[in-house]
Amino acid sequence: MLTNPVARFRVLSLVEGWSFVVLILFGSVLSRVSDIDLVMPLGILHGALFTALVVAILTVRRVLDWSLLTTLLALLAAVVPLGPFVFHYAKRDELRTAAA
């Protein structure tokens, strides 16, 4: 399944989006209310997933022949909190068709 670049993008966009939510909720909040500091390990994981997502976006751009605007929107969504979920939802039909 993950050999298909579109399927890999779909998985990475959702995992990266959730990693940011986990980083904010568990990393930041937990470090403020207790002695447990998970910001560094969660931040490293989130950064690695973000980098993989950017590579996946650039790969899918070629496969699906996305315009420059669509590519920039995908990259912007990768930076904005909860953006990957919104972009994934907006492109769900195109991504499902291409992944099949």
PDB file of N, CA and C in Angstrom:
ATOM      1  N   MET A   1       0.818  -1.199   0.000  1.00  0.00           N
ATOM      2  CA  MET A   1       0.000   0.000   0.000  1.00  0.00           C
ATOM      3  C   MET A   1       0.855   1.254   0.000  1.00  0.00           C
ATOM      4  N   LEU A   2       1.900   1.289   0.799  1.00  0.00           N
ATOM      5  CA  LEU A   2       2.701   2.504   0.889  1.00  0.00           C
ATOM      6  C   LEU A   2       3.728   2.611  -0.231  1.00  0.00           C
ATOM      7  N   THR A   3       3.708   1.693  -1.174  1.00  0.00           N
ATOM      8  CA  THR A   3       4.563   1.850  -2.343  1.00  0.00           C
ATOM      9  C   THR A   3       3.950   2.829  -3.331  1.00  0.00           C
ATOM     10  N   ASN A   4       2.648   3.007  -3.258  1.00  0.00           N
ATOM     11  CA  ASN A   4       1.947   3.986  -4.084  1.00  0.00           C
ATOM     12  C   ASN A   4       2.181   5.375  -3.484  1.00  0.00           C
ATOM     13  N   PRO A   5       2.723   6.333  -4.255  1.00  0.00           N
ATOM     14  CA  PRO A   5       3.024   7.650  -3.689  1.00  0.00           C
ATOM     15  C   PRO A   5       1.786   8.400  -3.196  1.00  0.00           C
ATOM     16  N   VAL A   6       0.655   8.185  -3.832  1.00  0.00           N
ATOM     17  CA  VAL A   6      -0.571   8.870  -3.400  1.00  0.00           C
ATOM     18  C   VAL A   6      -1.052   8.301  -2.066  1.00  0.00           C
ATOM     19  N   ALA A   7      -1.021   6.989  -1.945  1.00  0.00           N
ATOM     20  CA  ALA A   7      -1.410   6.363  -0.676  1.00  0.00           C
ATOM     21  C   ALA A   7      -0.456   6.775   0.437  1.00  0.00           C
ATOM     22  N   ARG A   8       0.824   6.857   0.116  1.00  0.00           N
ATOM     23  CA  ARG A   8       1.820   7.286   1.102  1.00  0.00           C
ATOM     24  C   ARG A   8       1.539   8.728   1.549  1.00  0.00           C
ATOM     25  N   PHE A   9       1.184   9.596   0.585  1.00  0.00           N
ATOM     26  CA  PHE A   9       0.832  10.976   0.921  1.00  0.00           C
ATOM     27  C   PHE A   9      -0.393  11.026   1.825  1.00  0.00           C
ATOM     28  N   ARG A  10      -1.412  10.231   1.502  1.00  0.00           N
ATOM     29  CA  ARG A  10      -2.630  10.229   2.310  1.00  0.00           C
ATOM     30  C   ARG A  10      -2.331   9.831   3.751  1.00  0.00           C
ATOM     31  N   VAL A  11      -1.546   8.776   3.922  1.00  0.00           N
ATOM     32  CA  VAL A  11      -1.206   8.313   5.267  1.00  0.00           C
ATOM     33  C   VAL A  11      -0.356   9.349   5.988  1.00  0.00           C
ATOM     34  N   LEU A  12       0.660   9.867   5.309  1.00  0.00           N
ATOM     35  CA  LEU A  12       1.555  10.840   5.941  1.00  0.00           C
ATOM     36  C   LEU A  12       0.834  12.124   6.325  1.00  0.00           C
ATOM     37  N   SER A  13      -0.097  12.576   5.506  1.00  0.00           N
ATOM     38  CA  SER A  13      -0.798  13.814   5.843  1.00  0.00           C
ATOM     39  C   SER A  13      -1.627  13.653   7.116  1.00  0.00           C
ATOM     40  N   LEU A  14      -2.264  12.503   7.262  1.00  0.00           N
ATOM     41  CA  LEU A  14      -3.052  12.276   8.470  1.00  0.00           C
ATOM     42  C   LEU A  14      -2.169  12.040   9.699  1.00  0.00           C
ATOM     43  N   VAL A  15      -1.107  11.282   9.531  1.00  0.00           N
ATOM     44  CA  VAL A  15      -0.211  11.001  10.657  1.00  0.00           C
ATOM     45  C   VAL A  15       0.493  12.286  11.098  1.00  0.00           C
ATOM     46  N   GLU A  16       0.930  13.100  10.147  1.00  0.00           N
ATOM     47  CA  GLU A  16       1.595  14.354  10.491  1.00  0.00           C
ATOM     48  C   GLU A  16       0.632  15.311  11.184  1.00  0.00           C
ATOM     49  N   GLY A  17      -0.596  15.355  10.715  1.00  0.00           N
ATOM     50  CA  GLY A  17      -1.595  16.198  11.372  1.00  0.00           C
ATOM     51  C   GLY A  17      -1.848  15.770  12.810  1.00  0.00           C
ATOM     52  N   TRP A  18      -1.957  14.459  13.021  1.00  0.00           N
ATOM     53  CA  TRP A  18      -2.164  13.955  14.382  1.00  0.00           C
ATOM     54  C   TRP A  18      -0.924  14.157  15.249  1.00  0.00           C
ATOM     55  N   SER A  19       0.259  14.087  14.642  1.00  0.00           N
ATOM     56  CA  SER A  19       1.465  14.290  15.450  1.00  0.00           C
ATOM     57  C   SER A  19       1.523  15.706  15.992  1.00  0.00           C
ATOM     58  N   PHE A  20       1.024  16.664  15.217  1.00  0.00           N
ATOM     59  CA  PHE A  20       0.995  18.045  15.715  1.00  0.00           C
ATOM     60  C   PHE A  20      -0.008  18.187  16.858  1.00  0.00           C
ATOM     61  N   VAL A  21      -1.167  17.553  16.707  1.00  0.00           N
ATOM     62  CA  VAL A  21      -2.169  17.603  17.783  1.00  0.00           C
ATOM     63  C   VAL A  21      -1.606  16.974  19.053  1.00  0.00           C
ATOM     64  N   VAL A  22      -0.944  15.834  18.918  1.00  0.00           N
ATOM     65  CA  VAL A  22      -0.342  15.162  20.081  1.00  0.00           C
ATOM     66  C   VAL A  22       0.761  16.022  20.689  1.00  0.00           C
ATOM     67  N   LEU A  23       1.561  16.650  19.840  1.00  0.00           N
ATOM     68  CA  LEU A  23       2.627  17.534  20.334  1.00  0.00           C
ATOM     69  C   LEU A  23       2.050  18.676  21.151  1.00  0.00           C
ATOM     70  N   ILE A  24       1.003  19.288  20.674  1.00  0.00           N
ATOM     71  CA  ILE A  24       0.396  20.407  21.397  1.00  0.00           C
ATOM     72  C   ILE A  24      -0.282  19.934  22.680  1.00  0.00           C
ATOM     73  N   LEU A  25      -1.121  18.908  22.558  1.00  0.00           N
ATOM     74  CA  LEU A  25      -1.884  18.469  23.720  1.00  0.00           C
ATOM     75  C   LEU A  25      -1.017  17.820  24.792  1.00  0.00           C
ATOM     76  N   PHE A  26      -0.226  16.845  24.372  1.00  0.00           N
ATOM     77  CA  PHE A  26       0.541  16.100  25.364  1.00  0.00           C
ATOM     78  C   PHE A  26       1.886  16.742  25.667  1.00  0.00           C
ATOM     79  N   GLY A  27       2.552  17.232  24.645  1.00  0.00           N
ATOM     80  CA  GLY A  27       3.866  17.811  24.862  1.00  0.00           C
ATOM     81  C   GLY A  27       3.809  19.113  25.632  1.00  0.00           C
ATOM     82  N   SER A  28       3.116  20.071  25.083  1.00  0.00           N
ATOM     83  CA  SER A  28       3.088  21.395  25.690  1.00  0.00           C
ATOM     84  C   SER A  28       2.279  21.430  26.985  1.00  0.00           C
ATOM     85  N   VAL A  29       1.081  20.909  26.944  1.00  0.00           N
ATOM     86  CA  VAL A  29       0.212  20.979  28.116  1.00  0.00           C
ATOM     87  C   VAL A  29       0.771  20.140  29.261  1.00  0.00           C
ATOM     88  N   LEU A  30       1.198  18.932  28.961  1.00  0.00           N
ATOM     89  CA  LEU A  30       1.706  18.045  30.000  1.00  0.00           C
ATOM     90  C   LEU A  30       2.972  18.612  30.650  1.00  0.00           C
ATOM     91  N   SER A  31       3.808  19.288  29.870  1.00  0.00           N
ATOM     92  CA  SER A  31       5.028  19.851  30.451  1.00  0.00           C
ATOM     93  C   SER A  31       4.722  21.031  31.368  1.00  0.00           C
ATOM     94  N   ARG A  32       3.583  21.667  31.181  1.00  0.00           N
ATOM     95  CA  ARG A  32       3.219  22.800  32.029  1.00  0.00           C
ATOM     96  C   ARG A  32       2.540  22.375  33.336  1.00  0.00           C
ATOM     97  N   VAL A  33       1.861  21.240  33.308  1.00  0.00           N
ATOM     98  CA  VAL A  33       1.116  20.825  34.499  1.00  0.00           C
ATOM     99  C   VAL A  33       1.801  19.713  35.286  1.00  0.00           C
ATOM    100  N   SER A  34       2.922  19.197  34.766  1.00  0.00           N
ATOM    101  CA  SER A  34       3.634  18.137  35.478  1.00  0.00           C
ATOM    102  C   SER A  34       5.128  18.258  35.190  1.00  0.00           C
ATOM    103  N   ASP A  35       5.887  17.327  35.735  1.00  0.00           N
ATOM    104  CA  ASP A  35       7.332  17.314  35.503  1.00  0.00           C
ATOM    105  C   ASP A  35       7.711  16.516  34.256  1.00  0.00           C
ATOM    106  N   ILE A  36       6.740  15.965  33.575  1.00  0.00           N
ATOM    107  CA  ILE A  36       7.002  15.176  32.372  1.00  0.00           C
ATOM    108  C   ILE A  36       7.165  16.131  31.191  1.00  0.00           C
ATOM    109  N   ASP A  37       8.303  16.043  30.520  1.00  0.00           N
ATOM    110  CA  ASP A  37       8.574  16.911  29.377  1.00  0.00           C
ATOM    111  C   ASP A  37       8.718  16.061  28.120  1.00  0.00           C
ATOM    112  N   LEU A  38       7.686  16.062  27.307  1.00  0.00           N
ATOM    113  CA  LEU A  38       7.686  15.284  26.075  1.00  0.00           C
ATOM    114  C   LEU A  38       7.857  16.140  24.831  1.00  0.00           C
ATOM    115  N   VAL A  39       8.136  17.429  25.011  1.00  0.00           N
ATOM    116  CA  VAL A  39       8.216  18.332  23.866  1.00  0.00           C
ATOM    117  C   VAL A  39       9.339  17.917  22.914  1.00  0.00           C
ATOM    118  N   MET A  40      10.510  17.615  23.442  1.00  0.00           N
ATOM    119  CA  MET A  40      11.652  17.282  22.581  1.00  0.00           C
ATOM    120  C   MET A  40      11.408  15.998  21.768  1.00  0.00           C
ATOM    121  N   PRO A  41      11.060  14.873  22.384  1.00  0.00           N
ATOM    122  CA  PRO A  41      10.869  13.674  21.546  1.00  0.00           C
ATOM    123  C   PRO A  41       9.683  13.794  20.596  1.00  0.00           C
ATOM    124  N   LEU A  42       8.595  14.401  21.043  1.00  0.00           N
ATOM    125  CA  LEU A  42       7.448  14.573  20.157  1.00  0.00           C
ATOM    126  C   LEU A  42       7.761  15.577  19.057  1.00  0.00           C
ATOM    127  N   GLY A  43       8.545  16.597  19.377  1.00  0.00           N
ATOM    128  CA  GLY A  43       8.939  17.586  18.379  1.00  0.00           C
ATOM    129  C   GLY A  43       9.822  16.984  17.302  1.00  0.00           C
ATOM    130  N   ILE A  44      10.739  16.118  17.703  1.00  0.00           N
ATOM    131  CA  ILE A  44      11.591  15.443  16.720  1.00  0.00           C
ATOM    132  C   ILE A  44      10.751  14.548  15.808  1.00  0.00           C
ATOM    133  N   LEU A  45       9.831  13.806  16.390  1.00  0.00           N
ATOM    134  CA  LEU A  45       8.948  12.949  15.596  1.00  0.00           C
ATOM    135  C   LEU A  45       8.112  13.776  14.629  1.00  0.00           C
ATOM    136  N   HIS A  46       7.540  14.857  15.119  1.00  0.00           N
ATOM    137  CA  HIS A  46       6.718  15.725  14.281  1.00  0.00           C
ATOM    138  C   HIS A  46       7.552  16.337  13.154  1.00  0.00           C
ATOM    139  N   GLY A  47       8.775  16.753  13.459  1.00  0.00           N
ATOM    140  CA  GLY A  47       9.645  17.320  12.436  1.00  0.00           C
ATOM    141  C   GLY A  47      10.005  16.320  11.356  1.00  0.00           C
ATOM    142  N   ALA A  48      10.278  15.091  11.750  1.00  0.00           N
ATOM    143  CA  ALA A  48      10.584  14.049  10.768  1.00  0.00           C
ATOM    144  C   ALA A  48       9.365  13.756   9.890  1.00  0.00           C
ATOM    145  N   LEU A  49       8.183  13.701  10.505  1.00  0.00           N
ATOM    146  CA  LEU A  49       6.959  13.459   9.729  1.00  0.00           C
ATOM    147  C   LEU A  49       6.658  14.632   8.799  1.00  0.00           C
ATOM    148  N   PHE A  50       6.929  15.857   9.262  1.00  0.00           N
ATOM    149  CA  PHE A  50       6.721  17.039   8.418  1.00  0.00           C
ATOM    150  C   PHE A  50       7.634  16.990   7.197  1.00  0.00           C
ATOM    151  N   THR A  51       8.896  16.643   7.416  1.00  0.00           N
ATOM    152  CA  THR A  51       9.837  16.541   6.301  1.00  0.00           C
ATOM    153  C   THR A  51       9.392  15.467   5.313  1.00  0.00           C
ATOM    154  N   ALA A  52       8.954  14.330   5.821  1.00  0.00           N
ATOM    155  CA  ALA A  52       8.461  13.262   4.948  1.00  0.00           C
ATOM    156  C   ALA A  52       7.215  13.712   4.186  1.00  0.00           C
ATOM    157  N   LEU A  53       6.362  14.501   4.834  1.00  0.00           N
ATOM    158  CA  LEU A  53       5.159  14.995   4.167  1.00  0.00           C
ATOM    159  C   LEU A  53       5.513  15.955   3.039  1.00  0.00           C
ATOM    160  N   VAL A  54       6.475  16.820   3.250  1.00  0.00           N
ATOM    161  CA  VAL A  54       6.887  17.747   2.191  1.00  0.00           C
ATOM    162  C   VAL A  54       7.423  16.976   0.988  1.00  0.00           C
ATOM    163  N   VAL A  55       8.226  15.961   1.237  1.00  0.00           N
ATOM    164  CA  VAL A  55       8.732  15.125   0.140  1.00  0.00           C
ATOM    165  C   VAL A  55       7.567  14.416  -0.559  1.00  0.00           C
ATOM    166  N   ALA A  56       6.613  13.927   0.213  1.00  0.00           N
ATOM    167  CA  ALA A  56       5.447  13.249  -0.372  1.00  0.00           C
ATOM    168  C   ALA A  56       4.612  14.211  -1.212  1.00  0.00           C
ATOM    169  N   ILE A  57       4.470  15.451  -0.759  1.00  0.00           N
ATOM    170  CA  ILE A  57       3.718  16.454  -1.528  1.00  0.00           C
ATOM    171  C   ILE A  57       4.397  16.699  -2.868  1.00  0.00           C
ATOM    172  N   LEU A  58       5.712  16.856  -2.842  1.00  0.00           N
ATOM    173  CA  LEU A  58       6.437  17.112  -4.088  1.00  0.00           C
ATOM    174  C   LEU A  58       6.392  15.909  -5.026  1.00  0.00           C
ATOM    175  N   THR A  59       6.346  14.711  -4.472  1.00  0.00           N
ATOM    176  CA  THR A  59       6.227  13.508  -5.298  1.00  0.00           C
ATOM    177  C   THR A  59       4.830  13.400  -5.900  1.00  0.00           C
ATOM    178  N   VAL A  60       3.812  13.627  -5.088  1.00  0.00           N
ATOM    179  CA  VAL A  60       2.424  13.529  -5.563  1.00  0.00           C
ATOM    180  C   VAL A  60       2.125  14.620  -6.584  1.00  0.00           C
ATOM    181  N   ARG A  61       2.789  15.737  -6.443  1.00  0.00           N
ATOM    182  CA  ARG A  61       2.603  16.827  -7.406  1.00  0.00           C
ATOM    183  C   ARG A  61       2.907  16.352  -8.816  1.00  0.00           C
ATOM    184  N   ARG A  62       3.986  15.604  -8.956  1.00  0.00           N
ATOM    185  CA  ARG A  62       4.350  15.092 -10.282  1.00  0.00           C
ATOM    186  C   ARG A  62       3.397  13.996 -10.736  1.00  0.00           C
ATOM    187  N   VAL A  63       3.013  13.121  -9.803  1.00  0.00           N
ATOM    188  CA  VAL A  63       2.149  11.984 -10.164  1.00  0.00           C
ATOM    189  C   VAL A  63       0.761  12.453 -10.592  1.00  0.00           C
ATOM    190  N   LEU A  64       0.183  13.400  -9.847  1.00  0.00           N
ATOM    191  CA  LEU A  64      -1.179  13.860 -10.132  1.00  0.00           C
ATOM    192  C   LEU A  64      -1.214  15.109 -11.000  1.00  0.00           C
ATOM    193  N   ASP A  65      -0.046  15.588 -11.389  1.00  0.00           N
ATOM    194  CA  ASP A  65       0.069  16.777 -12.231  1.00  0.00           C
ATOM    195  C   ASP A  65      -0.653  17.976 -11.599  1.00  0.00           C
ATOM    196  N   TRP A  66      -0.352  18.207 -10.322  1.00  0.00           N
ATOM    197  CA  TRP A  66      -0.938  19.345  -9.621  1.00  0.00           C
ATOM    198  C   TRP A  66      -0.365  20.648 -10.150  1.00  0.00           C
ATOM    199  N   SER A  67      -1.186  21.670 -10.129  1.00  0.00           N
ATOM    200  CA  SER A  67      -0.708  23.000 -10.498  1.00  0.00           C
ATOM    201  C   SER A  67       0.169  23.549  -9.374  1.00  0.00           C
ATOM    202  N   LEU A  68       0.828  24.647  -9.674  1.00  0.00           N
ATOM    203  CA  LEU A  68       1.661  25.293  -8.663  1.00  0.00           C
ATOM    204  C   LEU A  68       0.796  25.762  -7.489  1.00  0.00           C
ATOM    205  N   LEU A  69      -0.402  26.257  -7.774  1.00  0.00           N
ATOM    206  CA  LEU A  69      -1.295  26.724  -6.714  1.00  0.00           C
ATOM    207  C   LEU A  69      -1.702  25.581  -5.785  1.00  0.00           C
ATOM    208  N   THR A  70      -2.076  24.446  -6.338  1.00  0.00           N
ATOM    209  CA  THR A  70      -2.457  23.292  -5.514  1.00  0.00           C
ATOM    210  C   THR A  70      -1.282  22.821  -4.671  1.00  0.00           C
ATOM    211  N   THR A  71      -0.095  22.808  -5.258  1.00  0.00           N
ATOM    212  CA  THR A  71       1.097  22.407  -4.511  1.00  0.00           C
ATOM    213  C   THR A  71       1.373  23.374  -3.371  1.00  0.00           C
ATOM    214  N   LEU A  72       1.273  24.654  -3.634  1.00  0.00           N
ATOM    215  CA  LEU A  72       1.497  25.649  -2.579  1.00  0.00           C
ATOM    216  C   LEU A  72       0.440  25.544  -1.483  1.00  0.00           C
ATOM    217  N   LEU A  73      -0.795  25.261  -1.854  1.00  0.00           N
ATOM    218  CA  LEU A  73      -1.846  25.069  -0.844  1.00  0.00           C
ATOM    219  C   LEU A  73      -1.563  23.837   0.009  1.00  0.00           C
ATOM    220  N   ALA A  74      -1.071  22.777  -0.614  1.00  0.00           N
ATOM    221  CA  ALA A  74      -0.716  21.568   0.146  1.00  0.00           C
ATOM    222  C   ALA A  74       0.430  21.860   1.106  1.00  0.00           C
ATOM    223  N   LEU A  75       1.433  22.598   0.652  1.00  0.00           N
ATOM    224  CA  LEU A  75       2.560  22.951   1.521  1.00  0.00           C
ATOM    225  C   LEU A  75       2.120  23.893   2.636  1.00  0.00           C
ATOM    226  N   LEU A  76       1.235  24.833   2.326  1.00  0.00           N
ATOM    227  CA  LEU A  76       0.706  25.731   3.353  1.00  0.00           C
ATOM    228  C   LEU A  76      -0.109  24.947   4.376  1.00  0.00           C
ATOM    229  N   ALA A  77      -0.902  24.001   3.902  1.00  0.00           N
ATOM    230  CA  ALA A  77      -1.701  23.184   4.815  1.00  0.00           C
ATOM    231  C   ALA A  77      -0.817  22.354   5.732  1.00  0.00           C
ATOM    232  N   ALA A  78       0.367  21.981   5.266  1.00  0.00           N
ATOM    233  CA  ALA A  78       1.287  21.205   6.099  1.00  0.00           C
ATOM    234  C   ALA A  78       1.829  22.035   7.251  1.00  0.00           C
ATOM    235  N   VAL A  79       1.840  23.348   7.104  1.00  0.00           N
ATOM    236  CA  VAL A  79       2.385  24.237   8.134  1.00  0.00           C
ATOM    237  C   VAL A  79       1.304  24.698   9.115  1.00  0.00           C
ATOM    238  N   VAL A  80       0.101  24.891   8.618  1.00  0.00           N
ATOM    239  CA  VAL A  80      -0.999  25.411   9.436  1.00  0.00           C
ATOM    240  C   VAL A  80      -1.541  24.305  10.347  1.00  0.00           C
ATOM    241  N   PRO A  81      -1.766  24.610  11.619  1.00  0.00           N
ATOM    242  CA  PRO A  81      -2.349  23.591  12.500  1.00  0.00           C
ATOM    243  C   PRO A  81      -3.692  23.082  11.947  1.00  0.00           C
ATOM    244  N   LEU A  82      -3.850  21.798  11.928  1.00  0.00           N
ATOM    245  CA  LEU A  82      -5.021  21.090  11.402  1.00  0.00           C
ATOM    246  C   LEU A  82      -5.192  21.249   9.892  1.00  0.00           C
ATOM    247  N   GLY A  83      -4.257  21.897   9.242  1.00  0.00           N
ATOM    248  CA  GLY A  83      -4.303  22.080   7.796  1.00  0.00           C
ATOM    249  C   GLY A  83      -4.272  20.788   7.004  1.00  0.00           C
ATOM    250  N   PRO A  84      -3.433  19.813   7.402  1.00  0.00           N
ATOM    251  CA  PRO A  84      -3.427  18.559   6.640  1.00  0.00           C
ATOM    252  C   PRO A  84      -4.787  17.874   6.597  1.00  0.00           C
ATOM    253  N   PHE A  85      -5.558  17.997   7.673  1.00  0.00           N
ATOM    254  CA  PHE A  85      -6.886  17.388   7.696  1.00  0.00           C
ATOM    255  C   PHE A  85      -7.809  18.084   6.697  1.00  0.00           C
ATOM    256  N   VAL A  86      -7.746  19.408   6.648  1.00  0.00           N
ATOM    257  CA  VAL A  86      -8.598  20.182   5.743  1.00  0.00           C
ATOM    258  C   VAL A  86      -8.230  19.893   4.286  1.00  0.00           C
ATOM    259  N   PHE A  87      -6.932  19.896   3.985  1.00  0.00           N
ATOM    260  CA  PHE A  87      -6.497  19.628   2.612  1.00  0.00           C
ATOM    261  C   PHE A  87      -6.848  18.204   2.199  1.00  0.00           C
ATOM    262  N   HIS A  88      -6.618  17.274   3.088  1.00  0.00           N
ATOM    263  CA  HIS A  88      -6.941  15.869   2.809  1.00  0.00           C
ATOM    264  C   HIS A  88      -8.433  15.712   2.536  1.00  0.00           C
ATOM    265  N   TYR A  89      -9.266  16.391   3.305  1.00  0.00           N
ATOM    266  CA  TYR A  89     -10.718  16.322   3.113  1.00  0.00           C
ATOM    267  C   TYR A  89     -11.121  16.954   1.776  1.00  0.00           C
ATOM    268  N   ALA A  90     -10.496  18.084   1.443  1.00  0.00           N
ATOM    269  CA  ALA A  90     -10.839  18.781   0.201  1.00  0.00           C
ATOM    270  C   ALA A  90     -10.455  17.966  -1.034  1.00  0.00           C
ATOM    271  N   LYS A  91      -9.394  17.208  -0.944  1.00  0.00           N
ATOM    272  CA  LYS A  91      -8.897  16.436  -2.084  1.00  0.00           C
ATOM    273  C   LYS A  91      -9.210  14.946  -1.981  1.00  0.00           C
ATOM    274  N   ARG A  92     -10.095  14.550  -1.079  1.00  0.00           N
ATOM    275  CA  ARG A  92     -10.300  13.130  -0.786  1.00  0.00           C
ATOM    276  C   ARG A  92     -10.716  12.324  -2.004  1.00  0.00           C
ATOM    277  N   ASP A  93     -11.591  12.830  -2.833  1.00  0.00           N
ATOM    278  CA  ASP A  93     -12.047  12.058  -4.012  1.00  0.00           C
ATOM    279  C   ASP A  93     -10.917  11.853  -5.015  1.00  0.00           C
ATOM    280  N   GLU A  94     -10.171  12.917  -5.283  1.00  0.00           N
ATOM    281  CA  GLU A  94      -9.048  12.807  -6.219  1.00  0.00           C
ATOM    282  C   GLU A  94      -7.987  11.846  -5.689  1.00  0.00           C
ATOM    283  N   LEU A  95      -7.715  11.923  -4.383  1.00  0.00           N
ATOM    284  CA  LEU A  95      -6.690  11.072  -3.786  1.00  0.00           C
ATOM    285  C   LEU A  95      -7.128   9.611  -3.732  1.00  0.00           C
ATOM    286  N   ARG A  96      -8.398   9.376  -3.417  1.00  0.00           N
ATOM    287  CA  ARG A  96      -8.903   7.990  -3.397  1.00  0.00           C
ATOM    288  C   ARG A  96      -8.832   7.360  -4.778  1.00  0.00           C
ATOM    289  N   THR A  97      -9.237   8.117  -5.784  1.00  0.00           N
ATOM    290  CA  THR A  97      -9.221   7.601  -7.150  1.00  0.00           C
ATOM    291  C   THR A  97      -7.786   7.291  -7.591  1.00  0.00           C
ATOM    292  N   ALA A  98      -6.866   8.194  -7.284  1.00  0.00           N
ATOM    293  CA  ALA A  98      -5.477   8.000  -7.711  1.00  0.00           C
ATOM    294  C   ALA A  98      -4.789   6.895  -6.934  1.00  0.00           C
ATOM    295  N   ALA A  99      -5.187   6.679  -5.678  1.00  0.00           N
ATOM    296  CA  ALA A  99      -4.558   5.654  -4.862  1.00  0.00           C
ATOM    297  C   ALA A  99      -5.021   4.246  -5.248  1.00  0.00           C
ATOM    298  N   ALA A 100      -6.188   4.170  -5.838  1.00  0.00           N
ATOM    299  CA  ALA A 100      -6.749   2.847  -6.208  1.00  0.00           C
ATOM    300  C   ALA A 100      -6.073   2.253  -7.421  1.00  0.00           C
TER     301      ALA A 100
END
